[in-house]
Protein backbone atom coordinates (compact mmCIF):
# COMPACT_ATOMS: atom_id res chain seq x y z
CA MET A 1 86.32 116.54 69.61
CA ASN A 2 83.96 118.92 71.32
CA THR A 3 83.37 117.53 74.77
CA ALA A 4 81.77 120.63 76.19
CA SER A 5 78.50 120.48 74.32
CA ALA A 6 75.33 120.06 76.32
CA PRO A 7 74.29 116.45 76.74
CA GLU A 8 71.28 115.00 75.09
CA ALA A 9 68.20 114.09 77.01
CA THR A 10 68.87 111.52 79.66
CA GLY A 11 65.39 110.29 80.32
CA ALA A 12 65.01 106.64 81.15
CA GLY A 13 63.73 105.83 77.71
CA SER A 14 66.21 107.86 75.67
CA PRO A 15 68.85 106.05 73.60
CA ARG A 16 71.61 107.80 75.51
CA ALA A 17 70.17 106.68 78.88
CA ARG A 18 69.98 103.09 77.65
CA GLU A 19 73.58 103.24 76.44
CA THR A 20 74.68 104.72 79.77
CA LEU A 21 72.88 102.02 81.77
CA LYS A 22 74.34 99.34 79.52
CA ALA A 23 77.85 100.73 80.00
CA LEU A 24 77.29 101.01 83.76
CA TYR A 25 76.14 97.39 83.91
CA GLY A 26 79.26 96.40 82.01
CA TYR A 27 81.43 97.99 84.69
CA VAL A 28 79.44 96.52 87.60
CA ARG A 29 78.83 93.02 86.19
CA PRO A 30 82.25 91.51 87.11
CA HIS A 31 81.64 92.66 90.70
CA ARG A 32 77.94 91.83 90.91
CA TRP A 33 78.34 89.38 93.81
CA ALA A 34 80.24 91.91 95.89
CA VAL A 35 77.58 94.51 95.10
CA ALA A 36 74.89 91.97 96.06
CA LEU A 37 76.65 91.35 99.40
CA GLY A 38 76.87 95.08 100.03
CA LEU A 39 73.17 95.38 99.17
CA LEU A 40 72.20 92.60 101.59
CA LEU A 41 74.23 94.16 104.39
CA ALA A 42 72.72 97.57 103.68
CA LEU A 43 69.24 96.03 103.76
CA ALA A 44 70.07 94.29 107.04
CA GLY A 45 71.08 97.63 108.51
CA ALA A 46 67.95 99.26 107.09
CA ALA A 47 65.78 96.47 108.51
CA GLY A 48 67.11 97.23 111.96
CA GLY A 49 66.12 100.84 111.55
CA LEU A 50 62.75 99.84 110.15
CA LEU A 51 61.91 97.80 113.28
CA GLN A 52 62.89 100.48 115.77
CA PRO A 53 59.66 102.57 115.54
CA LEU A 54 57.58 99.40 116.06
CA ALA A 55 59.73 98.52 119.08
CA THR A 56 59.22 102.05 120.36
CA LYS A 57 55.43 101.69 119.98
CA ALA A 58 55.55 98.43 121.93
CA LEU A 59 57.69 100.15 124.55
CA VAL A 60 55.15 102.98 124.97
CA ASP A 61 52.27 100.49 125.15
CA ARG A 62 54.06 98.51 127.90
CA LEU A 63 54.80 101.67 129.84
CA SER A 64 51.13 102.61 129.60
CA SER A 65 50.08 99.18 130.89
CA GLY A 66 52.76 99.06 133.62
CA ASP A 67 54.57 96.01 132.18
CA THR A 68 58.36 95.55 132.51
CA ILE A 69 60.45 96.92 129.62
CA THR A 70 63.92 95.48 130.44
CA ALA A 71 63.85 92.68 127.89
CA LEU A 72 62.47 94.98 125.22
CA LEU A 73 65.18 97.60 125.86
CA LEU A 74 67.87 94.91 125.67
CA ALA A 75 66.46 93.59 122.39
CA LEU A 76 66.29 97.13 121.01
CA THR A 77 69.94 97.75 121.97
CA VAL A 78 71.09 94.51 120.29
CA LEU A 79 69.07 95.44 117.20
CA VAL A 80 70.77 98.85 117.00
CA LEU A 81 74.25 97.33 117.40
CA LEU A 82 73.70 94.62 114.78
CA SER A 83 72.25 97.03 112.23
CA THR A 84 75.17 99.42 112.77
CA VAL A 85 77.74 96.66 112.28
CA ALA A 86 75.96 95.41 109.16
CA GLU A 87 75.85 98.92 107.67
CA ALA A 88 79.53 99.56 108.43
CA PHE A 89 80.70 96.28 106.88
CA GLY A 90 78.41 96.82 103.91
CA ALA A 91 79.87 100.31 103.38
CA TYR A 92 83.39 98.84 103.38
CA VAL A 93 82.43 96.17 100.84
CA LEU A 94 80.89 98.77 98.55
CA GLU A 95 83.84 101.18 98.79
CA ARG A 96 86.27 98.37 98.04
CA THR A 97 84.15 97.27 95.09
CA ALA A 98 83.91 100.86 93.84
CA GLU A 99 87.71 101.13 93.86
CA SER A 100 87.88 97.87 91.90
CA VAL A 101 85.43 99.23 89.33
CA VAL A 102 87.54 102.37 88.92
CA LEU A 103 90.71 100.28 88.58
CA ALA A 104 89.13 98.09 85.90
CA ALA A 105 87.86 101.14 84.01
CA ARG A 106 91.28 102.79 84.13
CA ARG A 107 93.04 99.64 82.97
CA GLY A 108 90.67 99.31 80.06
CA LEU A 109 91.01 102.97 79.14
CA ILE A 110 94.80 102.97 79.37
CA GLY A 111 95.07 99.87 77.22
CA ARG A 112 92.71 101.31 74.61
CA LEU A 113 94.30 104.78 74.59
CA LEU A 114 97.74 103.32 73.97
CA ARG A 115 96.32 101.37 71.01
CA LEU A 116 94.62 104.39 69.42
CA ARG A 117 95.54 105.05 65.84
CA LEU A 118 97.97 107.90 65.45
CA ALA A 119 95.44 109.97 63.51
CA GLU A 120 93.12 109.98 66.55
CA VAL A 121 95.90 111.04 68.91
CA ASP A 122 96.77 113.84 66.49
CA ARG A 123 93.11 114.93 66.47
CA ILE A 124 92.36 114.86 70.20
CA GLN A 125 94.31 116.84 72.78
CA PRO A 126 96.40 114.56 75.05
CA GLY A 127 95.22 116.45 78.14
CA ASP A 128 91.62 115.61 77.29
CA LEU A 129 92.47 111.92 76.97
CA MET A 130 94.36 111.98 80.27
CA SER A 131 91.43 113.60 82.10
CA ARG A 132 89.20 110.70 81.06
CA VAL A 133 91.57 108.28 82.80
CA THR A 134 91.88 110.42 85.93
CA SER A 135 88.93 112.65 86.80
CA ASP A 136 86.20 110.96 84.74
CA THR A 137 86.87 107.48 86.09
CA THR A 138 86.79 108.86 89.63
CA LEU A 139 83.10 109.68 89.18
CA LEU A 140 82.45 105.99 88.50
CA ARG A 141 83.22 105.29 92.16
CA ALA A 142 79.91 106.67 93.39
CA VAL A 143 77.64 105.71 90.53
CA SER A 144 78.89 102.13 90.11
CA THR A 145 78.12 100.93 93.65
CA GLN A 146 76.69 103.61 95.93
CA ALA A 147 74.11 104.76 93.40
CA VAL A 148 73.05 101.19 92.60
CA VAL A 149 72.83 100.11 96.24
CA SER A 150 71.34 103.40 97.43
CA ALA A 151 68.64 103.16 94.77
CA ALA A 152 67.88 99.55 95.70
CA THR A 153 67.93 99.96 99.50
CA GLY A 154 66.15 103.31 99.30
CA THR A 155 63.37 101.84 97.18
CA ILE A 156 62.96 98.68 99.27
CA THR A 157 63.04 100.42 102.65
CA LEU A 158 60.77 103.20 101.39
CA VAL A 159 58.20 100.65 100.23
CA ALA A 160 58.53 98.69 103.47
CA ALA A 161 58.13 101.82 105.57
CA ILE A 162 55.07 102.88 103.58
CA VAL A 163 53.49 99.43 104.07
CA VAL A 164 54.05 99.60 107.83
CA MET A 165 52.78 103.20 107.97
CA ALA A 166 49.67 102.11 106.05
CA PHE A 167 49.16 99.38 108.65
CA LEU A 168 49.48 101.97 111.42
CA ASP A 169 47.12 104.55 109.89
CA ALA A 170 46.10 104.95 106.25
CA VAL A 171 44.85 108.52 106.71
CA LEU A 172 48.19 109.80 108.01
CA LEU A 173 49.95 107.94 105.21
CA GLY A 174 47.80 109.72 102.63
CA VAL A 175 48.73 113.10 104.10
CA THR A 176 52.43 112.15 104.01
CA LEU A 177 52.39 110.94 100.40
CA VAL A 178 50.70 114.10 99.12
CA VAL A 179 53.41 116.30 100.64
CA VAL A 180 56.25 114.05 99.47
CA ALA A 181 54.84 113.85 95.91
CA VAL A 182 54.65 117.64 95.60
CA VAL A 183 58.28 118.13 96.71
CA GLY A 184 59.44 115.12 94.67
CA ALA A 185 58.06 116.64 91.48
CA GLY A 186 60.29 119.67 92.04
CA VAL A 187 63.33 117.45 92.62
CA ALA A 188 62.70 115.60 89.34
CA LEU A 189 63.02 118.90 87.48
CA VAL A 190 66.37 119.61 89.12
CA MET A 191 68.16 116.33 88.33
CA PRO A 192 68.86 116.93 84.60
CA LYS A 193 70.47 120.25 85.52
CA ILE A 194 72.98 118.39 87.70
CA GLY A 195 73.90 116.13 84.78
CA ARG A 196 74.43 119.03 82.38
CA ALA A 197 76.50 121.03 84.86
CA THR A 198 78.65 117.98 85.68
CA GLU A 199 79.38 117.18 82.04
CA GLN A 200 80.33 120.79 81.35
CA SER A 201 82.55 120.80 84.44
CA GLN A 202 84.32 117.62 83.31
CA ALA A 203 84.88 119.12 79.86
CA ALA A 204 86.43 122.20 81.46
CA VAL A 205 88.69 120.00 83.59
CA ALA A 206 89.80 118.28 80.38
CA GLU A 207 90.60 121.69 78.87
CA MET A 208 92.65 122.52 81.97
CA SER A 209 94.62 119.27 81.66
CA THR A 210 95.21 120.01 77.99
CA GLY A 211 96.50 123.48 78.83
CA LEU A 212 98.90 122.15 81.45
CA GLU A 213 100.16 119.43 79.11
CA ARG A 214 100.72 122.12 76.46
CA VAL A 215 102.82 124.23 78.84
CA PHE A 216 104.91 121.43 80.32
CA GLY A 217 105.51 120.02 76.85
CA ALA A 218 107.40 123.22 75.95
CA PHE A 219 108.34 124.50 79.41
CA ARG A 220 111.67 126.04 78.47
CA THR A 221 110.16 127.80 75.46
CA VAL A 222 107.41 129.27 77.64
CA LYS A 223 109.95 130.57 80.14
CA ALA A 224 112.32 131.87 77.47
CA SER A 225 109.41 133.74 75.87
CA GLY A 226 108.34 135.30 79.17
CA ALA A 227 104.91 133.79 78.59
CA GLU A 228 104.30 132.33 82.07
CA GLU A 229 101.56 134.81 82.97
CA ARG A 230 99.76 134.48 79.63
CA GLU A 231 99.85 130.70 79.75
CA ALA A 232 98.76 130.71 83.39
CA ALA A 233 95.81 132.89 82.39
CA ARG A 234 94.82 130.36 79.69
CA VAL A 235 94.84 127.48 82.16
CA GLU A 236 93.12 129.55 84.84
CA ALA A 237 90.32 130.35 82.39
CA SER A 238 89.61 126.63 82.08
CA ALA A 239 89.86 126.25 85.85
CA ARG A 240 87.33 129.06 86.28
CA ARG A 241 84.95 127.38 83.82
CA ALA A 242 85.29 124.13 85.77
CA TRP A 243 84.61 126.08 88.99
CA ARG A 244 81.59 127.82 87.51
CA HIS A 245 80.00 124.60 86.29
CA GLY A 246 80.97 122.83 89.52
CA VAL A 247 79.28 125.56 91.59
CA ARG A 248 76.19 125.28 89.40
CA SER A 249 76.13 121.51 89.95
CA ALA A 250 76.64 122.02 93.70
CA LYS A 251 73.75 124.51 93.75
CA TRP A 252 71.32 122.06 92.20
CA GLU A 253 72.65 119.22 94.37
CA ALA A 254 72.03 121.39 97.44
CA VAL A 255 68.48 122.05 96.25
CA ALA A 256 67.88 118.35 95.66
CA GLY A 257 69.58 117.33 98.90
CA SER A 258 67.54 119.71 101.04
CA ALA A 259 64.28 118.89 99.29
CA ASP A 260 63.93 115.53 101.03
CA ASN A 261 64.41 117.20 104.42
CA LEU A 262 61.82 119.83 103.45
CA ALA A 263 59.38 117.10 102.43
CA VAL A 264 59.75 115.30 105.76
CA GLN A 265 59.46 118.52 107.78
CA LEU A 266 56.29 119.59 105.94
CA ALA A 267 54.88 116.09 106.26
CA PHE A 268 55.72 116.14 109.99
CA LEU A 269 53.75 119.33 110.51
CA ALA A 270 50.81 117.97 108.49
CA VAL A 271 50.84 114.60 110.30
CA LEU A 272 51.25 116.28 113.68
CA GLY A 273 48.16 118.39 113.06
CA VAL A 274 45.99 115.65 111.55
CA GLY A 275 47.35 112.95 113.89
CA GLY A 276 46.80 115.09 116.97
CA ALA A 277 43.21 115.54 115.96
CA ARG A 278 42.81 111.78 115.46
CA VAL A 279 44.34 111.03 118.87
CA ALA A 280 42.02 113.56 120.46
CA SER A 281 39.03 111.95 118.77
CA GLY A 282 40.15 108.50 119.90
CA ALA A 283 40.66 107.20 116.34
CA ILE A 284 44.22 106.12 117.12
CA PRO A 285 46.24 105.74 120.35
CA VAL A 286 49.09 108.11 121.11
CA SER A 287 51.63 105.25 120.65
CA THR A 288 50.51 104.91 117.03
CA LEU A 289 51.07 108.63 116.44
CA ILE A 290 54.54 108.43 118.02
CA ALA A 291 55.47 105.39 115.91
CA PHE A 292 54.11 107.08 112.77
CA LEU A 293 56.13 110.22 113.46
CA LEU A 294 59.26 108.09 114.00
CA TYR A 295 58.63 106.37 110.64
CA LEU A 296 58.17 109.78 109.10
CA PHE A 297 61.66 110.82 110.21
CA TYR A 298 62.91 107.38 109.23
CA LEU A 299 61.66 108.14 105.71
CA MET A 300 64.36 110.81 105.46
CA GLU A 301 67.02 108.14 105.06
CA PRO A 302 65.52 106.16 102.12
CA VAL A 303 64.33 109.35 100.41
CA TYR A 304 67.79 110.85 100.84
CA ARG A 305 69.30 107.63 99.43
CA LEU A 306 67.07 107.85 96.36
CA VAL A 307 67.86 111.52 95.77
CA GLU A 308 71.57 110.84 96.25
CA ALA A 309 71.40 107.86 93.90
CA VAL A 310 69.77 109.93 91.15
CA ALA A 311 72.30 112.76 91.66
CA ASN A 312 75.19 110.30 91.53
CA TYR A 313 73.73 108.76 88.41
CA GLN A 314 73.51 112.16 86.72
CA GLU A 315 77.15 112.86 87.57
CA GLY A 316 78.26 109.37 86.62
CA ALA A 317 76.30 109.44 83.36
CA ALA A 318 78.31 112.47 82.27
CA ALA A 319 81.56 110.66 83.10
CA ILE A 320 80.44 107.40 81.47
CA SER A 321 79.51 109.31 78.32
CA ARG A 322 83.06 110.72 78.05
CA ILE A 323 84.65 107.36 78.88
CA THR A 324 82.57 105.40 76.37
CA GLU A 325 83.44 107.91 73.65
CA VAL A 326 86.90 106.36 73.71
CA ASP A 327 85.37 102.99 72.83
CA SER A 328 84.19 104.42 69.52
CA LEU A 329 87.67 105.61 68.50
CA PRO A 330 89.53 103.37 66.01
CA THR A 331 92.39 101.40 67.51
CA GLU A 332 95.16 99.13 66.36
CA PRO A 333 95.01 95.42 67.26
CA PRO A 334 96.54 94.47 70.61
CA MET A 335 100.32 94.29 70.44
CA GLU A 336 101.97 91.08 71.55
CA PRO A 337 105.11 91.27 73.67
CA PRO A 338 108.23 91.68 71.52
CA PRO A 339 109.96 88.41 70.64
CA PRO A 340 112.66 87.33 73.10
CA HIS A 341 116.09 88.72 72.35
CA GLN A 342 118.25 86.25 70.43
CA PRO A 343 121.95 86.85 71.16
CA THR A 344 124.30 85.75 68.44
CA GLY A 345 127.61 86.80 69.90
CA SER A 346 129.16 90.14 70.69
CA ARG A 347 127.23 91.85 67.86
CA SER A 348 123.81 90.36 68.59
CA TRP A 349 122.28 93.82 68.52
CA ALA A 350 123.14 94.11 64.82
CA VAL A 351 122.66 90.55 63.59
CA VAL A 352 119.32 89.01 64.46
CA GLN A 353 117.42 88.38 61.22
CA TYR A 354 117.92 88.75 57.49
CA PRO A 355 117.39 92.23 56.02
CA ALA A 356 114.05 93.27 54.51
CA SER A 357 113.25 94.67 51.08
CA VAL A 358 110.86 97.61 50.64
CA ARG A 359 108.80 98.62 47.65
CA PHE A 360 106.33 101.47 47.07
CA GLU A 361 103.90 100.90 44.19
CA ASP A 362 102.05 104.02 43.02
CA VAL A 363 101.46 105.16 46.61
CA SER A 364 99.37 108.23 47.39
CA PHE A 365 98.56 109.59 50.82
CA ARG A 366 96.72 112.42 52.50
CA TYR A 367 95.67 112.86 56.12
CA GLY A 368 91.97 113.08 55.40
CA PRO A 369 89.26 113.84 52.83
CA GLY A 370 89.52 117.35 51.47
CA LEU A 371 93.14 117.76 52.59
CA PRO A 372 96.01 118.07 50.09
CA TYR A 373 97.96 114.99 49.09
CA ILE A 374 101.31 114.49 50.83
CA HIS A 375 102.32 111.77 48.35
CA GLN A 376 101.22 111.25 44.76
CA GLN A 377 102.14 108.17 42.72
CA VAL A 378 105.29 107.43 44.74
CA ASP A 379 107.07 104.46 43.20
CA PHE A 380 110.48 103.01 44.09
CA GLU A 381 112.10 99.71 45.09
CA ILE A 382 114.79 99.09 47.71
CA PRO A 383 116.54 95.72 47.80
CA ALA A 384 117.47 93.98 51.04
CA ALA A 385 120.51 95.38 52.87
CA GLY A 386 122.42 98.55 52.09
CA MET A 387 121.66 102.20 52.75
CA THR A 388 119.07 104.25 50.92
CA ALA A 389 118.77 107.98 51.55
CA PHE A 390 115.76 110.22 50.95
CA VAL A 391 116.53 113.87 50.26
CA GLY A 392 114.63 116.89 49.05
CA PRO A 393 113.17 120.20 50.21
CA SER A 394 111.20 120.48 53.45
CA GLY A 395 107.62 119.31 52.96
CA ALA A 396 108.54 116.91 50.16
CA GLY A 397 107.02 114.00 52.14
CA LYS A 398 110.22 112.20 53.15
CA SER A 399 109.44 111.56 56.83
CA THR A 400 105.86 110.54 56.03
CA LEU A 401 107.22 107.58 54.07
CA PHE A 402 108.44 106.07 57.33
CA THR A 403 105.08 106.51 59.06
CA LEU A 404 103.44 104.61 56.19
CA VAL A 405 105.95 101.76 56.44
CA GLU A 406 105.28 101.54 60.19
CA ARG A 407 101.53 101.70 59.45
CA PHE A 408 101.03 104.64 61.77
CA TYR A 409 98.87 105.81 58.87
CA GLU A 410 97.37 103.81 56.00
CA ALA A 411 98.20 104.72 52.41
CA THR A 412 95.30 106.37 50.57
CA GLY A 413 96.17 104.54 47.37
CA GLY A 414 98.70 102.07 46.01
CA ARG A 415 100.65 99.43 47.93
CA ILE A 416 103.64 99.32 50.28
CA LEU A 417 105.45 95.99 50.26
CA VAL A 418 107.93 94.66 52.80
CA ASP A 419 109.58 91.45 51.64
CA GLY A 420 107.09 91.42 48.76
CA LYS A 421 104.09 91.37 51.12
CA ASP A 422 101.63 94.24 51.52
CA VAL A 423 102.12 95.82 54.95
CA ARG A 424 98.34 95.65 55.47
CA GLU A 425 98.62 91.86 55.32
CA TRP A 426 101.39 91.73 57.93
CA PRO A 427 100.35 91.10 61.55
CA LEU A 428 101.08 94.51 63.03
CA PRO A 429 103.21 93.23 65.96
CA GLU A 430 105.32 91.17 63.55
CA LEU A 431 105.80 94.10 61.17
CA ARG A 432 106.89 96.54 63.85
CA SER A 433 109.11 94.05 65.63
CA ALA A 434 111.16 93.86 62.43
CA ILE A 435 111.67 97.64 62.29
CA GLY A 436 113.93 99.97 64.22
CA TYR A 437 112.68 103.55 64.02
CA VAL A 438 114.49 106.72 65.08
CA GLU A 439 112.17 109.72 64.91
CA GLN A 440 113.23 113.20 63.90
CA ASP A 441 113.05 114.62 67.43
CA ALA A 442 114.53 111.42 68.97
CA PRO A 443 112.16 111.25 71.97
CA VAL A 444 113.50 109.91 75.26
CA LEU A 445 111.06 108.77 77.93
CA ALA A 446 111.22 109.77 81.58
CA GLY A 447 113.00 107.06 83.56
CA THR A 448 116.49 105.63 83.61
CA LEU A 449 118.92 105.46 80.72
CA ARG A 450 118.76 101.65 80.86
CA GLU A 451 114.95 101.64 80.61
CA ASN A 452 115.19 103.79 77.49
CA LEU A 453 117.80 101.60 75.84
CA VAL A 454 115.95 98.31 76.36
CA LEU A 455 112.49 99.73 75.63
CA ALA A 456 112.16 97.72 72.40
CA ALA A 457 114.41 94.85 73.51
CA PRO A 458 113.54 94.07 77.15
CA GLY A 459 115.46 90.79 76.99
CA ALA A 460 118.78 92.39 75.99
CA THR A 461 121.76 91.25 78.05
CA ASP A 462 124.37 93.49 79.67
CA ASP A 463 126.85 92.47 76.97
CA ASP A 464 124.38 93.55 74.28
CA VAL A 465 123.90 96.90 75.99
CA ARG A 466 127.64 97.48 76.39
CA ALA A 467 128.25 96.62 72.74
CA VAL A 468 125.65 99.07 71.46
CA LEU A 469 126.88 101.76 73.85
CA ALA A 470 130.34 101.47 72.36
CA ARG A 471 129.01 101.58 68.79
CA THR A 472 127.04 104.78 69.46
CA ARG A 473 129.80 106.38 71.60
CA LEU A 474 127.55 106.49 74.65
CA ASP A 475 129.98 104.57 76.86
CA THR A 476 131.79 107.77 77.87
CA LEU A 477 128.43 109.34 78.81
CA VAL A 478 127.54 106.36 80.99
CA ASP A 479 130.93 106.49 82.71
CA ARG A 480 130.40 110.07 83.87
CA LEU A 481 126.77 109.69 84.95
CA PRO A 482 126.39 109.44 88.76
CA HIS A 483 124.48 106.13 88.65
CA GLY A 484 125.59 104.87 85.25
CA LEU A 485 122.80 103.22 83.27
CA ASP A 486 120.44 103.62 86.22
CA THR A 487 120.64 107.43 86.13
CA LEU A 488 117.31 109.20 85.62
CA VAL A 489 117.24 111.16 82.36
CA GLY A 490 114.42 113.55 83.31
CA HIS A 491 111.15 114.45 81.63
CA ARG A 492 111.57 113.77 77.89
CA GLY A 493 115.29 113.32 78.47
CA SER A 494 115.76 116.89 79.72
CA LYS A 495 119.00 115.95 81.52
CA LEU A 496 120.61 114.90 78.23
CA SER A 497 121.82 117.08 75.39
CA GLY A 498 120.14 116.96 71.98
CA GLY A 499 123.01 114.93 70.55
CA GLU A 500 122.94 112.51 73.49
CA ARG A 501 119.21 111.99 73.04
CA GLN A 502 119.78 111.19 69.36
CA ARG A 503 122.47 108.66 70.22
CA VAL A 504 120.19 107.06 72.82
CA ALA A 505 117.43 106.76 70.21
CA ILE A 506 119.84 105.20 67.70
CA ALA A 507 121.22 102.79 70.33
CA ARG A 508 117.65 101.81 71.27
CA ALA A 509 116.84 101.02 67.63
CA LEU A 510 120.08 99.09 67.06
CA LEU A 511 119.65 97.06 70.26
CA ARG A 512 116.45 95.64 68.83
CA GLY A 513 118.38 94.00 66.01
CA PRO A 514 115.98 95.21 63.29
CA ARG A 515 115.67 93.88 59.76
CA LEU A 516 114.77 97.39 58.62
CA LEU A 517 116.25 100.51 60.22
CA LEU A 518 114.49 103.85 59.65
CA LEU A 519 116.53 106.95 60.55
CA ASP A 520 114.78 110.31 60.27
CA GLU A 521 117.40 113.08 60.58
CA ALA A 522 118.98 110.89 63.23
CA THR A 523 122.33 112.72 63.41
CA SER A 524 121.22 116.34 62.91
CA GLN A 525 122.23 117.41 66.44
CA LEU A 526 125.57 115.60 66.66
CA ASP A 527 128.94 117.27 66.58
CA ALA A 528 131.30 116.43 63.71
CA VAL A 529 133.27 113.79 65.63
CA ASN A 530 130.24 111.89 66.92
CA GLU A 531 128.45 112.24 63.58
CA LEU A 532 131.37 110.66 61.77
CA ALA A 533 131.47 107.79 64.28
CA LEU A 534 127.73 107.21 63.96
CA ARG A 535 127.96 107.31 60.17
CA ASP A 536 130.55 104.52 60.33
CA ALA A 537 128.33 102.50 62.70
CA ILE A 538 125.30 102.94 60.45
CA ALA A 539 127.35 102.02 57.37
CA GLU A 540 128.48 98.83 59.08
CA THR A 541 124.89 98.06 60.11
CA ALA A 542 123.78 98.57 56.49
CA ARG A 543 125.88 95.58 55.42
CA GLU A 544 123.47 93.26 57.20
CA THR A 545 120.35 95.41 57.62
CA THR A 546 118.26 97.52 55.27
CA VAL A 547 118.81 101.12 56.33
CA LEU A 548 116.58 103.99 55.14
CA VAL A 549 117.74 107.50 56.00
CA VAL A 550 115.99 110.86 55.71
CA ALA A 551 118.60 113.62 55.54
CA HIS A 552 118.78 117.32 54.91
CA ARG A 553 122.56 117.41 55.19
CA LEU A 554 123.74 115.61 52.07
CA SER A 555 127.20 115.14 53.58
CA THR A 556 125.74 112.39 55.76
CA VAL A 557 124.47 110.32 52.82
CA THR A 558 126.91 110.85 49.95
CA ASP A 559 128.13 107.29 50.42
CA ALA A 560 124.64 105.77 50.35
CA ASP A 561 124.02 102.90 47.94
CA ARG A 562 121.16 104.89 46.41
CA ILE A 563 119.56 108.28 46.97
CA VAL A 564 115.87 108.98 46.33
CA VAL A 565 115.22 112.63 45.49
CA MET A 566 111.68 113.77 46.44
CA ASP A 567 109.88 116.97 45.61
CA ALA A 568 106.24 117.93 46.24
CA GLY A 569 105.25 114.41 47.25
CA ARG A 570 106.73 112.68 44.20
CA VAL A 571 109.91 110.75 43.46
CA ARG A 572 111.97 112.97 41.22
CA ALA A 573 115.09 110.84 40.70
CA VAL A 574 116.96 107.82 42.05
CA GLY A 575 120.70 107.23 41.86
CA THR A 576 124.05 107.61 43.62
CA HIS A 577 125.50 110.95 44.64
CA GLU A 578 127.82 111.04 41.61
CA GLU A 579 124.96 110.21 39.24
CA LEU A 580 122.49 112.68 40.67
CA VAL A 581 124.76 115.73 40.69
CA THR A 582 125.04 115.37 36.92
CA LYS A 583 121.52 114.30 35.93
CA ASP A 584 119.13 115.96 38.44
CA GLU A 585 118.98 119.74 38.68
CA LEU A 586 117.31 119.86 42.13
CA TYR A 587 119.86 117.51 43.69
CA ALA A 588 122.70 119.43 42.05
CA GLN A 589 121.37 122.66 43.55
CA LEU A 590 121.10 121.09 47.00
CA ALA A 591 124.65 119.74 46.70
CA ALA A 592 126.01 123.08 45.52
CA THR A 593 124.24 124.92 48.31
CA GLN A 594 125.90 122.60 50.83
CA LEU A 595 129.31 123.02 49.14
CA LEU A 596 129.45 119.41 48.00
CA THR A 597 129.92 120.42 44.35
CA PRO A 598 131.11 123.55 42.62
CA ALA A 599 128.30 126.12 42.32
CA GLY A 600 126.24 125.68 39.20
CA ARG A 601 127.46 122.15 38.47
CA GLY A 602 124.91 119.62 37.37
CA GLY A 603 122.23 119.32 34.83
CA GLY A 604 118.73 118.29 34.10
């Protein structure tokens, strides 16, 4: 996804602007009463400021006539205090509401990102997705409340001030509006530049996050390759792009921010000249000129609010655009919590439900249009219970079979049946709750060992955990860990060996009590002793569970009930080890290469 492209026009009538405003309203709507309260308090504070020039005019008139001013000064002081308190409380309400808007946006994004289809996660860099949750949502803080309230209060107080200034002297108001209109036209030209620079800056920040995620995902490899400086340069390049676009945005914001001050200063000089002449001619009293000049400086605040609101909107529109892009990505249906664990004795982790049958009917699959097929006309049937192994050269499509059963991807053609029912007709939570899946790289999440073991079975008891630890020979590991099951395993299990991570992944799958157990090269990093023990545990599990195994080492699956030989995305042969070494040439070659048969034995 190219997030760095220049945004489309964001005029008020453009489709993109309407979509942005609609999305912004969706974020603000649940908090509309809090925003309304903040708006009322802001208006109350603005009203106090709006009355001060009139009070000053009355004060000057009383001084001119010799009347007492004590009561008026006291009232003016109370007015200032009340308006200050109202503004402060209103600011707190708005900041609190803004944080709530950001929280809601992040919760929605996190929930949607974790339900993205695997194909989308493969297509989009994880760092880019993470930046949408972190930096992009932060920009919502200003646009969701401050921009809305600033625009409303700025508009209302500006109109009110103009009405009062017209009441004071229409000629001076005309001079003021001409100056403000000229400067305002220049500001209008600047605002789209802020939006473009902000969107480009956010895209560069996403690239920086992606670069950091890339490095930390293979940190040891980077260090072992002596590539720290090169990788740092890649990330710094993104940081420099973010800086460059950020500076450009700051430049235009500075121009826009100073324009309102310039407008007021120019208007002040014009009003001072014209107003002085009118006072000299007797057209207006000096108190009117003083009050008008005070209103002129008062105009700085609402004009500044409007400029700030438009700038915040331009920044927020760029962030909203990136956030709402996620809403268009295909997702899986919401996952229900896993069913409560159902202990059935000391081996509850292995005996929970009856085993499942699996059948592939003329299945074909490719990752997208125009890409080569991974599977072509794959057809086989696996009865409930027992162990079935999938073997063949690298790239034959063995591991992809498991991703289709799990519905990480949808088959391009044909049907995949579990218990005689098409997997597309299964409720996804129900399908996956019946499956235990051990991936090829056996990922372990940061956290404690216990959290990793019960990830798919949060209701597992201590007895269940102890039983599965013994079956996977992890009990000795737990005994030597400083905090036992509550020991932190590090980022991606970095504090565990490769074999220990594989055993943790197997234990996690077994603890779920699956009806169907998928093992993708699950023992490739184990030593001979632990591999033999795990093979016995898996064989025992296969008596009551359907076990599918992908293996490159044939020694791990020679005792399987059936072996499916795959080559170039097709099923080449099905049979036992003894049958295949005599009737399938490819399997015989694989067996001979791994010293499981005399060289050259086997046939077509």
